[in-house]
Amino acid sequence: MMKKSSLIILLFIVLSCNNSKDKIIIIKNKKEIENKQLKEIQNPLENLDSITYIATKFINDYVSNCNKMKEQIGIIEWVNSYPNVSQKFKSELTKMIQDAEEKDPEYGLGFDPIFDAQDYPDDGFKLTQFDSTTNYLTVEAKSWKGFAITMRIKKMDNEYLLDGCGVINIPKNKQAKR
């Protein structure tokens, strides 16, 4: 309560002065405080140093590759060359696609297993949920409301790697609802 009173008095004194530069500094400092408080609230979801960065970077880089049309790299080749992806993820993706092509050479899987869909939002994804105990996270399309993907990160040899995304290594009960 004492801090609030002091802040109100200080604000009153500053606003009483006719120096507009002081007013701008106070407003700027208030904005900085609000931004800092906002970052503290968002920090678990937006901390670029955290393991969530690996997943959001992966899915947004994948969107960029898919947006290249004729220049895009095939899904298996792209994932195999991408850093921070587990060998289990790479193997499961390759097996899933090869099995589908053997069963139906013309149609294959019929959907993208990373997006768990035929279509995708071409402007990318943002992190919406992260469970630090299980390392499952959810990303949602930036502008396609309701389009979400479940992902999983796993620590291997002191390094965090993407180990699940879409339908790859994600149990049915954890996959995003369609």
N, C-alpha and C. Protein backbone atom coordinates (compact mmCIF):
# COMPACT_ATOMS: atom_id res chain seq x y z
N MET A 1 0.83 -1.18 0.00
CA MET A 1 0.00 0.00 0.00
C MET A 1 0.88 1.25 0.00
N MET A 2 1.97 1.19 0.77
CA MET A 2 2.89 2.32 0.86
C MET A 2 3.52 2.59 -0.50
N LYS A 3 3.86 1.53 -1.22
CA LYS A 3 4.48 1.70 -2.54
C LYS A 3 3.51 2.36 -3.51
N LYS A 4 2.25 1.95 -3.45
CA LYS A 4 1.24 2.54 -4.34
C LYS A 4 1.07 4.02 -4.04
N SER A 5 1.03 4.35 -2.76
CA SER A 5 0.87 5.76 -2.37
C SER A 5 2.06 6.57 -2.85
N SER A 6 3.27 6.03 -2.67
CA SER A 6 4.48 6.73 -3.12
C SER A 6 4.47 6.91 -4.63
N LEU A 7 4.06 5.90 -5.34
CA LEU A 7 4.01 5.97 -6.80
C LEU A 7 2.99 7.00 -7.27
N ILE A 8 1.86 7.04 -6.60
CA ILE A 8 0.82 8.01 -6.96
C ILE A 8 1.31 9.43 -6.70
N ILE A 9 1.95 9.63 -5.56
CA ILE A 9 2.48 10.96 -5.23
C ILE A 9 3.54 11.36 -6.25
N LEU A 10 4.47 10.45 -6.56
CA LEU A 10 5.52 10.73 -7.53
C LEU A 10 4.92 11.05 -8.90
N LEU A 11 3.95 10.28 -9.29
CA LEU A 11 3.28 10.52 -10.58
C LEU A 11 2.60 11.89 -10.58
N PHE A 12 1.95 12.25 -9.49
CA PHE A 12 1.29 13.55 -9.38
C PHE A 12 2.30 14.68 -9.50
N ILE A 13 3.43 14.56 -8.81
CA ILE A 13 4.46 15.60 -8.86
C ILE A 13 4.99 15.76 -10.28
N VAL A 14 5.28 14.65 -10.91
CA VAL A 14 5.83 14.69 -12.28
C VAL A 14 4.82 15.27 -13.24
N LEU A 15 3.59 14.86 -13.12
CA LEU A 15 2.56 15.37 -14.03
C LEU A 15 2.25 16.84 -13.77
N SER A 16 2.52 17.31 -12.56
CA SER A 16 2.31 18.72 -12.23
C SER A 16 3.31 19.61 -12.94
N CYS A 17 4.46 19.08 -13.19
CA CYS A 17 5.50 19.86 -13.88
C CYS A 17 5.08 20.09 -15.32
N ASN A 18 5.54 21.18 -15.89
CA ASN A 18 5.20 21.49 -17.27
C ASN A 18 6.20 20.92 -18.26
N ASN A 19 7.14 20.16 -17.81
CA ASN A 19 8.16 19.60 -18.69
C ASN A 19 7.60 18.33 -19.35
N SER A 20 7.27 18.40 -20.62
CA SER A 20 6.66 17.26 -21.33
C SER A 20 7.63 16.10 -21.46
N LYS A 21 8.93 16.37 -21.44
CA LYS A 21 9.92 15.30 -21.53
C LYS A 21 9.77 14.36 -20.33
N ASP A 22 9.55 14.92 -19.14
CA ASP A 22 9.37 14.11 -17.95
C ASP A 22 8.13 13.21 -18.10
N LYS A 23 7.08 13.75 -18.68
CA LYS A 23 5.86 12.97 -18.86
C LYS A 23 6.13 11.77 -19.77
N ILE A 24 6.89 11.98 -20.82
CA ILE A 24 7.21 10.89 -21.74
C ILE A 24 8.02 9.82 -21.04
N ILE A 25 8.97 10.23 -20.20
CA ILE A 25 9.79 9.26 -19.48
C ILE A 25 8.93 8.43 -18.55
N ILE A 26 8.03 9.06 -17.83
CA ILE A 26 7.15 8.33 -16.92
C ILE A 26 6.29 7.35 -17.70
N ILE A 27 5.71 7.80 -18.78
CA ILE A 27 4.87 6.93 -19.60
C ILE A 27 5.69 5.78 -20.16
N LYS A 28 6.89 6.11 -20.63
CA LYS A 28 7.76 5.06 -21.17
C LYS A 28 8.10 4.06 -20.07
N ASN A 29 8.44 4.54 -18.87
CA ASN A 29 8.79 3.64 -17.78
C ASN A 29 7.60 2.78 -17.37
N LYS A 30 6.40 3.38 -17.38
CA LYS A 30 5.19 2.62 -17.07
C LYS A 30 5.00 1.52 -18.11
N LYS A 31 5.24 1.84 -19.38
CA LYS A 31 5.11 0.87 -20.46
C LYS A 31 6.15 -0.24 -20.29
N GLU A 32 7.37 0.14 -19.90
CA GLU A 32 8.42 -0.86 -19.68
C GLU A 32 8.03 -1.81 -18.56
N ILE A 33 7.44 -1.26 -17.49
CA ILE A 33 6.99 -2.09 -16.37
C ILE A 33 5.89 -3.04 -16.84
N GLU A 34 4.92 -2.52 -17.60
CA GLU A 34 3.85 -3.36 -18.11
C GLU A 34 4.41 -4.46 -19.02
N ASN A 35 5.35 -4.10 -19.90
CA ASN A 35 5.96 -5.08 -20.80
C ASN A 35 6.72 -6.15 -20.03
N LYS A 36 7.44 -5.72 -18.98
CA LYS A 36 8.19 -6.68 -18.17
C LYS A 36 7.23 -7.65 -17.50
N GLN A 37 6.13 -7.12 -16.93
CA GLN A 37 5.15 -7.98 -16.28
C GLN A 37 4.52 -8.93 -17.29
N LEU A 38 4.24 -8.46 -18.49
CA LEU A 38 3.67 -9.30 -19.54
C LEU A 38 4.64 -10.41 -19.91
N LYS A 39 5.93 -10.08 -20.05
CA LYS A 39 6.93 -11.09 -20.39
C LYS A 39 7.03 -12.14 -19.30
N GLU A 40 6.93 -11.73 -18.04
CA GLU A 40 6.99 -12.69 -16.94
C GLU A 40 5.83 -13.67 -17.02
N ILE A 41 4.66 -13.19 -17.42
CA ILE A 41 3.50 -14.05 -17.56
C ILE A 41 3.68 -14.99 -18.76
N GLN A 42 4.19 -14.45 -19.87
CA GLN A 42 4.32 -15.24 -21.10
C GLN A 42 5.59 -16.09 -21.11
N ASN A 43 6.52 -15.83 -20.24
CA ASN A 43 7.83 -16.45 -20.30
C ASN A 43 7.81 -17.96 -20.50
N PRO A 44 6.97 -18.72 -19.79
CA PRO A 44 6.99 -20.17 -20.03
C PRO A 44 6.62 -20.54 -21.47
N LEU A 45 5.85 -19.71 -22.15
CA LEU A 45 5.42 -20.03 -23.50
C LEU A 45 6.30 -19.42 -24.58
N GLU A 46 7.02 -18.37 -24.27
CA GLU A 46 7.74 -17.64 -25.31
C GLU A 46 9.25 -17.58 -25.10
N ASN A 47 9.79 -18.23 -24.10
CA ASN A 47 11.21 -18.15 -23.81
C ASN A 47 12.00 -18.85 -24.91
N LEU A 48 12.73 -18.05 -25.71
CA LEU A 48 13.45 -18.62 -26.84
C LEU A 48 14.62 -19.49 -26.42
N ASP A 49 15.05 -19.40 -25.17
CA ASP A 49 16.13 -20.24 -24.69
C ASP A 49 15.61 -21.59 -24.19
N SER A 50 14.32 -21.73 -24.12
CA SER A 50 13.75 -22.97 -23.59
C SER A 50 13.62 -24.03 -24.69
N ILE A 51 13.28 -25.22 -24.26
CA ILE A 51 13.15 -26.33 -25.20
C ILE A 51 11.98 -26.15 -26.16
N THR A 52 11.04 -25.29 -25.81
CA THR A 52 9.91 -25.07 -26.70
C THR A 52 10.33 -24.42 -28.01
N TYR A 53 11.43 -23.70 -27.98
CA TYR A 53 11.93 -23.05 -29.19
C TYR A 53 12.24 -24.08 -30.28
N ILE A 54 12.77 -25.22 -29.89
CA ILE A 54 13.12 -26.28 -30.85
C ILE A 54 11.88 -26.70 -31.64
N ALA A 55 10.78 -26.90 -30.93
CA ALA A 55 9.54 -27.34 -31.57
C ALA A 55 8.93 -26.26 -32.46
N THR A 56 8.82 -25.03 -31.95
CA THR A 56 8.20 -23.98 -32.75
C THR A 56 9.05 -23.63 -33.97
N LYS A 57 10.36 -23.68 -33.82
CA LYS A 57 11.24 -23.43 -34.97
C LYS A 57 11.06 -24.54 -36.01
N PHE A 58 11.01 -25.78 -35.56
CA PHE A 58 10.83 -26.90 -36.47
C PHE A 58 9.55 -26.74 -37.30
N ILE A 59 8.43 -26.53 -36.63
CA ILE A 59 7.15 -26.49 -37.35
C ILE A 59 7.08 -25.27 -38.28
N ASN A 60 7.62 -24.15 -37.88
CA ASN A 60 7.60 -22.97 -38.74
C ASN A 60 8.59 -23.09 -39.90
N ASP A 61 9.72 -23.75 -39.68
CA ASP A 61 10.65 -24.02 -40.79
C ASP A 61 10.02 -25.01 -41.77
N TYR A 62 9.26 -25.97 -41.24
CA TYR A 62 8.58 -26.93 -42.11
C TYR A 62 7.52 -26.23 -42.96
N VAL A 63 6.79 -25.30 -42.36
CA VAL A 63 5.81 -24.51 -43.12
C VAL A 63 6.53 -23.75 -44.24
N SER A 64 7.65 -23.15 -43.93
CA SER A 64 8.43 -22.41 -44.95
C SER A 64 8.84 -23.32 -46.08
N ASN A 65 9.27 -24.53 -45.77
CA ASN A 65 9.64 -25.49 -46.81
C ASN A 65 8.43 -25.86 -47.66
N CYS A 66 7.30 -26.10 -47.02
CA CYS A 66 6.08 -26.46 -47.76
C CYS A 66 5.60 -25.32 -48.64
N ASN A 67 5.84 -24.09 -48.24
CA ASN A 67 5.42 -22.92 -49.01
C ASN A 67 6.26 -22.70 -50.27
N LYS A 68 7.36 -23.39 -50.40
CA LYS A 68 8.27 -23.18 -51.54
C LYS A 68 7.76 -23.79 -52.84
N MET A 69 6.72 -24.55 -52.80
CA MET A 69 6.12 -25.20 -53.97
C MET A 69 7.14 -26.05 -54.72
N LYS A 70 7.56 -25.62 -55.88
CA LYS A 70 8.44 -26.44 -56.74
C LYS A 70 9.84 -26.62 -56.14
N GLU A 71 10.25 -25.70 -55.28
CA GLU A 71 11.60 -25.76 -54.71
C GLU A 71 11.65 -26.50 -53.39
N GLN A 72 10.50 -26.95 -52.89
CA GLN A 72 10.48 -27.58 -51.59
C GLN A 72 11.21 -28.92 -51.62
N ILE A 73 11.77 -29.27 -50.48
CA ILE A 73 12.46 -30.55 -50.31
C ILE A 73 11.42 -31.55 -49.84
N GLY A 74 11.50 -32.79 -50.29
CA GLY A 74 10.57 -33.83 -49.86
C GLY A 74 10.59 -34.01 -48.35
N ILE A 75 9.48 -34.46 -47.79
CA ILE A 75 9.31 -34.53 -46.34
C ILE A 75 10.38 -35.38 -45.66
N ILE A 76 10.69 -36.55 -46.21
CA ILE A 76 11.69 -37.43 -45.58
C ILE A 76 13.07 -36.79 -45.65
N GLU A 77 13.43 -36.30 -46.81
CA GLU A 77 14.74 -35.66 -46.98
C GLU A 77 14.85 -34.43 -46.08
N TRP A 78 13.79 -33.63 -46.01
CA TRP A 78 13.82 -32.42 -45.19
C TRP A 78 14.01 -32.77 -43.71
N VAL A 79 13.21 -33.70 -43.21
CA VAL A 79 13.30 -34.09 -41.79
C VAL A 79 14.66 -34.72 -41.49
N ASN A 80 15.16 -35.58 -42.38
CA ASN A 80 16.46 -36.22 -42.15
C ASN A 80 17.61 -35.22 -42.11
N SER A 81 17.47 -34.11 -42.79
CA SER A 81 18.54 -33.12 -42.79
C SER A 81 18.36 -32.03 -41.73
N TYR A 82 17.22 -32.06 -41.04
CA TYR A 82 16.93 -31.02 -40.05
C TYR A 82 17.61 -31.34 -38.72
N PRO A 83 18.27 -30.35 -38.10
CA PRO A 83 18.89 -30.59 -36.80
C PRO A 83 17.83 -30.70 -35.70
N ASN A 84 18.19 -31.23 -34.58
CA ASN A 84 17.33 -31.32 -33.40
C ASN A 84 16.10 -32.20 -33.59
N VAL A 85 16.22 -33.23 -34.41
CA VAL A 85 15.14 -34.20 -34.59
C VAL A 85 15.69 -35.57 -34.21
N SER A 86 14.94 -36.31 -33.40
CA SER A 86 15.41 -37.61 -32.93
C SER A 86 15.44 -38.63 -34.07
N GLN A 87 16.29 -39.60 -33.93
CA GLN A 87 16.36 -40.69 -34.91
C GLN A 87 15.05 -41.48 -34.92
N LYS A 88 14.44 -41.63 -33.76
CA LYS A 88 13.15 -42.33 -33.67
C LYS A 88 12.09 -41.63 -34.52
N PHE A 89 12.06 -40.30 -34.47
CA PHE A 89 11.12 -39.52 -35.27
C PHE A 89 11.37 -39.74 -36.76
N LYS A 90 12.65 -39.63 -37.16
CA LYS A 90 13.02 -39.82 -38.57
C LYS A 90 12.64 -41.21 -39.05
N SER A 91 12.92 -42.24 -38.25
CA SER A 91 12.62 -43.63 -38.62
C SER A 91 11.12 -43.87 -38.74
N GLU A 92 10.37 -43.36 -37.78
CA GLU A 92 8.91 -43.56 -37.78
C GLU A 92 8.27 -42.86 -38.99
N LEU A 93 8.71 -41.66 -39.29
CA LEU A 93 8.19 -40.93 -40.45
C LEU A 93 8.47 -41.71 -41.74
N THR A 94 9.70 -42.14 -41.91
CA THR A 94 10.09 -42.89 -43.11
C THR A 94 9.27 -44.17 -43.23
N LYS A 95 9.15 -44.92 -42.13
CA LYS A 95 8.38 -46.17 -42.14
C LYS A 95 6.92 -45.90 -42.49
N MET A 96 6.34 -44.88 -41.88
CA MET A 96 4.94 -44.55 -42.11
C MET A 96 4.68 -44.24 -43.59
N ILE A 97 5.54 -43.46 -44.20
CA ILE A 97 5.36 -43.07 -45.61
C ILE A 97 5.62 -44.25 -46.54
N GLN A 98 6.67 -45.02 -46.28
CA GLN A 98 6.97 -46.18 -47.13
C GLN A 98 5.88 -47.23 -47.05
N ASP A 99 5.36 -47.51 -45.85
CA ASP A 99 4.27 -48.48 -45.70
C ASP A 99 3.02 -48.03 -46.47
N ALA A 100 2.70 -46.75 -46.39
CA ALA A 100 1.52 -46.23 -47.08
C ALA A 100 1.70 -46.31 -48.60
N GLU A 101 2.91 -46.03 -49.08
CA GLU A 101 3.16 -46.09 -50.53
C GLU A 101 3.14 -47.53 -51.05
N GLU A 102 3.55 -48.48 -50.23
CA GLU A 102 3.48 -49.90 -50.62
C GLU A 102 2.03 -50.35 -50.72
N LYS A 103 1.20 -49.94 -49.76
CA LYS A 103 -0.21 -50.31 -49.75
C LYS A 103 -0.98 -49.65 -50.89
N ASP A 104 -0.66 -48.40 -51.15
CA ASP A 104 -1.37 -47.65 -52.19
C ASP A 104 -0.38 -46.70 -52.87
N PRO A 105 0.33 -47.19 -53.91
CA PRO A 105 1.37 -46.39 -54.57
C PRO A 105 0.86 -45.07 -55.15
N GLU A 106 -0.39 -45.01 -55.53
CA GLU A 106 -0.93 -43.81 -56.14
C GLU A 106 -1.31 -42.76 -55.11
N TYR A 107 -1.89 -43.19 -54.02
CA TYR A 107 -2.43 -42.26 -53.02
C TYR A 107 -1.48 -42.06 -51.84
N GLY A 108 -0.73 -43.08 -51.46
CA GLY A 108 0.17 -42.97 -50.30
C GLY A 108 -0.60 -42.72 -49.02
N LEU A 109 -0.08 -41.88 -48.18
CA LEU A 109 -0.74 -41.56 -46.91
C LEU A 109 -2.03 -40.76 -47.12
N GLY A 110 -2.02 -39.86 -48.07
CA GLY A 110 -3.20 -39.03 -48.33
C GLY A 110 -3.29 -37.81 -47.43
N PHE A 111 -2.31 -37.64 -46.56
CA PHE A 111 -2.26 -36.46 -45.69
C PHE A 111 -0.82 -36.28 -45.23
N ASP A 112 -0.53 -35.12 -44.68
CA ASP A 112 0.80 -34.83 -44.16
C ASP A 112 0.84 -35.24 -42.69
N PRO A 113 1.69 -36.21 -42.33
CA PRO A 113 1.70 -36.68 -40.95
C PRO A 113 2.26 -35.68 -39.93
N ILE A 114 3.04 -34.72 -40.38
CA ILE A 114 3.55 -33.69 -39.47
C ILE A 114 2.43 -32.72 -39.11
N PHE A 115 1.64 -32.32 -40.10
CA PHE A 115 0.51 -31.43 -39.84
C PHE A 115 -0.72 -32.21 -39.36
N ASP A 116 -0.73 -33.52 -39.61
CA ASP A 116 -1.90 -34.36 -39.34
C ASP A 116 -3.11 -33.79 -40.08
N ALA A 117 -2.87 -33.44 -41.35
CA ALA A 117 -3.93 -32.83 -42.17
C ALA A 117 -3.48 -32.82 -43.64
N GLN A 118 -4.42 -32.57 -44.53
CA GLN A 118 -4.08 -32.41 -45.94
C GLN A 118 -3.63 -30.99 -46.24
N ASP A 119 -4.26 -30.03 -45.59
CA ASP A 119 -3.92 -28.62 -45.78
C ASP A 119 -3.23 -28.12 -44.52
N TYR A 120 -2.63 -26.94 -44.63
CA TYR A 120 -1.93 -26.36 -43.49
C TYR A 120 -1.99 -24.84 -43.57
N PRO A 121 -1.85 -24.18 -42.45
CA PRO A 121 -1.84 -22.72 -42.44
C PRO A 121 -0.47 -22.22 -42.92
N ASP A 122 -0.45 -21.48 -43.98
CA ASP A 122 0.83 -21.10 -44.58
C ASP A 122 1.53 -19.93 -43.89
N ASP A 123 0.93 -19.38 -42.83
CA ASP A 123 1.61 -18.29 -42.11
C ASP A 123 2.26 -18.77 -40.81
N GLY A 124 2.20 -20.05 -40.53
CA GLY A 124 2.93 -20.61 -39.40
C GLY A 124 2.14 -20.77 -38.12
N PHE A 125 2.89 -21.10 -37.06
CA PHE A 125 2.30 -21.48 -35.78
C PHE A 125 2.93 -20.72 -34.63
N LYS A 126 2.17 -20.68 -33.53
CA LYS A 126 2.68 -20.10 -32.28
C LYS A 126 2.41 -21.10 -31.16
N LEU A 127 3.23 -21.06 -30.15
CA LEU A 127 3.09 -21.94 -29.00
C LEU A 127 1.89 -21.51 -28.17
N THR A 128 1.03 -22.46 -27.80
CA THR A 128 -0.12 -22.13 -26.97
C THR A 128 -0.13 -22.88 -25.65
N GLN A 129 0.59 -24.01 -25.59
CA GLN A 129 0.58 -24.79 -24.35
C GLN A 129 1.86 -25.60 -24.25
N PHE A 130 2.39 -25.72 -23.04
CA PHE A 130 3.59 -26.52 -22.81
C PHE A 130 3.50 -27.17 -21.44
N ASP A 131 3.68 -28.48 -21.39
CA ASP A 131 3.69 -29.22 -20.14
C ASP A 131 5.14 -29.63 -19.87
N SER A 132 5.78 -28.97 -18.92
CA SER A 132 7.20 -29.20 -18.66
C SER A 132 7.47 -30.55 -18.00
N THR A 133 6.44 -31.21 -17.48
CA THR A 133 6.66 -32.53 -16.88
C THR A 133 6.67 -33.63 -17.94
N THR A 134 5.89 -33.46 -19.00
CA THR A 134 5.84 -34.48 -20.06
C THR A 134 6.55 -34.04 -21.34
N ASN A 135 6.85 -32.77 -21.44
CA ASN A 135 7.45 -32.14 -22.63
C ASN A 135 6.56 -32.22 -23.86
N TYR A 136 5.25 -32.34 -23.64
CA TYR A 136 4.28 -32.21 -24.72
C TYR A 136 3.95 -30.74 -24.85
N LEU A 137 3.75 -30.29 -26.08
CA LEU A 137 3.35 -28.92 -26.29
C LEU A 137 2.35 -28.86 -27.43
N THR A 138 1.63 -27.78 -27.46
CA THR A 138 0.65 -27.55 -28.52
C THR A 138 0.98 -26.24 -29.20
N VAL A 139 1.00 -26.30 -30.52
CA VAL A 139 1.13 -25.08 -31.31
C VAL A 139 -0.17 -24.89 -32.06
N GLU A 140 -0.52 -23.63 -32.27
CA GLU A 140 -1.76 -23.32 -32.98
C GLU A 140 -1.43 -22.37 -34.12
N ALA A 141 -2.16 -22.51 -35.20
CA ALA A 141 -1.96 -21.64 -36.36
C ALA A 141 -2.13 -20.18 -35.96
N LYS A 142 -1.29 -19.33 -36.54
CA LYS A 142 -1.35 -17.90 -36.22
C LYS A 142 -2.68 -17.28 -36.64
N SER A 143 -3.20 -17.69 -37.79
CA SER A 143 -4.44 -17.06 -38.24
C SER A 143 -5.56 -18.04 -38.58
N TRP A 144 -5.30 -19.32 -38.51
CA TRP A 144 -6.30 -20.34 -38.81
C TRP A 144 -6.82 -20.86 -37.48
N LYS A 145 -7.83 -20.21 -36.96
CA LYS A 145 -8.34 -20.52 -35.63
C LYS A 145 -8.75 -21.99 -35.52
N GLY A 146 -8.27 -22.62 -34.45
CA GLY A 146 -8.63 -23.99 -34.17
C GLY A 146 -7.71 -25.03 -34.78
N PHE A 147 -6.76 -24.63 -35.62
CA PHE A 147 -5.83 -25.59 -36.22
C PHE A 147 -4.63 -25.73 -35.28
N ALA A 148 -4.59 -26.85 -34.58
CA ALA A 148 -3.53 -27.09 -33.60
C ALA A 148 -2.77 -28.38 -33.92
N ILE A 149 -1.55 -28.45 -33.42
CA ILE A 149 -0.71 -29.64 -33.59
C ILE A 149 -0.07 -29.94 -32.24
N THR A 150 -0.09 -31.21 -31.86
CA THR A 150 0.60 -31.64 -30.66
C THR A 150 2.02 -32.06 -31.05
N MET A 151 2.97 -31.67 -30.21
CA MET A 151 4.37 -31.99 -30.45
C MET A 151 4.98 -32.49 -29.14
N ARG A 152 6.14 -33.15 -29.25
CA ARG A 152 6.83 -33.62 -28.05
C ARG A 152 8.33 -33.45 -28.23
N ILE A 153 8.97 -33.00 -27.16
CA ILE A 153 10.41 -32.84 -27.12
C ILE A 153 10.96 -33.89 -26.15
N LYS A 154 12.13 -34.41 -26.45
CA LYS A 154 12.74 -35.41 -25.58
C LYS A 154 14.22 -35.08 -25.38
N LYS A 155 14.69 -35.25 -24.15
CA LYS A 155 16.10 -35.00 -23.87
C LYS A 155 16.88 -36.29 -24.13
N MET A 156 17.87 -36.19 -25.00
CA MET A 156 18.72 -37.33 -25.35
C MET A 156 20.17 -36.86 -25.38
N ASP A 157 21.02 -37.51 -24.62
CA ASP A 157 22.44 -37.16 -24.57
C ASP A 157 22.64 -35.66 -24.29
N ASN A 158 21.96 -35.16 -23.27
CA ASN A 158 22.05 -33.76 -22.85
C ASN A 158 21.64 -32.77 -23.93
N GLU A 159 20.81 -33.21 -24.85
CA GLU A 159 20.34 -32.35 -25.93
C GLU A 159 18.83 -32.58 -26.10
N TYR A 160 18.09 -31.51 -26.30
CA TYR A 160 16.66 -31.64 -26.54
C TYR A 160 16.41 -31.80 -28.03
N LEU A 161 15.60 -32.82 -28.37
CA LEU A 161 15.29 -33.11 -29.77
C LEU A 161 13.78 -33.22 -29.95
N LEU A 162 13.30 -32.87 -31.12
CA LEU A 162 11.91 -33.09 -31.47
C LEU A 162 11.73 -34.59 -31.63
N ASP A 163 10.77 -35.16 -30.90
CA ASP A 163 10.57 -36.60 -30.95
C ASP A 163 9.16 -36.98 -31.38
N GLY A 164 8.28 -36.00 -31.50
CA GLY A 164 6.93 -36.29 -31.93
C GLY A 164 6.26 -35.05 -32.49
N CYS A 165 5.41 -35.25 -33.50
CA CYS A 165 4.70 -34.12 -34.10
C CYS A 165 3.56 -34.66 -34.96
N GLY A 166 2.39 -34.07 -34.84
CA GLY A 166 1.24 -34.51 -35.64
C GLY A 166 0.81 -35.90 -35.22
N VAL A 167 1.00 -36.89 -36.11
CA VAL A 167 0.69 -38.28 -35.77
C VAL A 167 1.96 -39.11 -35.55
N ILE A 168 3.12 -38.51 -35.74
CA ILE A 168 4.38 -39.23 -35.62
C ILE A 168 4.80 -39.26 -34.15
N ASN A 169 4.82 -40.45 -33.58
CA ASN A 169 5.22 -40.67 -32.18
C ASN A 169 4.36 -39.92 -31.17
N ILE A 170 3.15 -39.59 -31.54
CA ILE A 170 2.20 -38.96 -30.62
C ILE A 170 1.04 -39.94 -30.44
N PRO A 171 0.80 -40.40 -29.21
CA PRO A 171 -0.32 -41.32 -29.00
C PRO A 171 -1.65 -40.69 -29.42
N LYS A 172 -2.55 -41.52 -29.87
CA LYS A 172 -3.86 -41.06 -30.36
C LYS A 172 -4.55 -40.13 -29.36
N ASN A 173 -4.49 -40.48 -28.07
CA ASN A 173 -5.19 -39.67 -27.06
C ASN A 173 -4.53 -38.32 -26.80
N LYS A 174 -3.31 -38.10 -27.30
CA LYS A 174 -2.61 -36.83 -27.14
C LYS A 174 -2.66 -35.97 -28.41
N GLN A 175 -3.05 -36.56 -29.53
CA GLN A 175 -3.08 -35.82 -30.79
C GLN A 175 -4.13 -34.72 -30.76
N ALA A 176 -3.85 -33.65 -31.47
CA ALA A 176 -4.80 -32.52 -31.54
C ALA A 176 -6.10 -33.00 -32.16
N LYS A 177 -7.18 -32.48 -31.64
CA LYS A 177 -8.52 -32.86 -32.15
C LYS A 177 -8.76 -32.22 -33.50
N ARG A 178 -9.36 -32.97 -34.42
CA ARG A 178 -9.72 -32.47 -35.75
C ARG A 178 -11.22 -32.51 -35.90
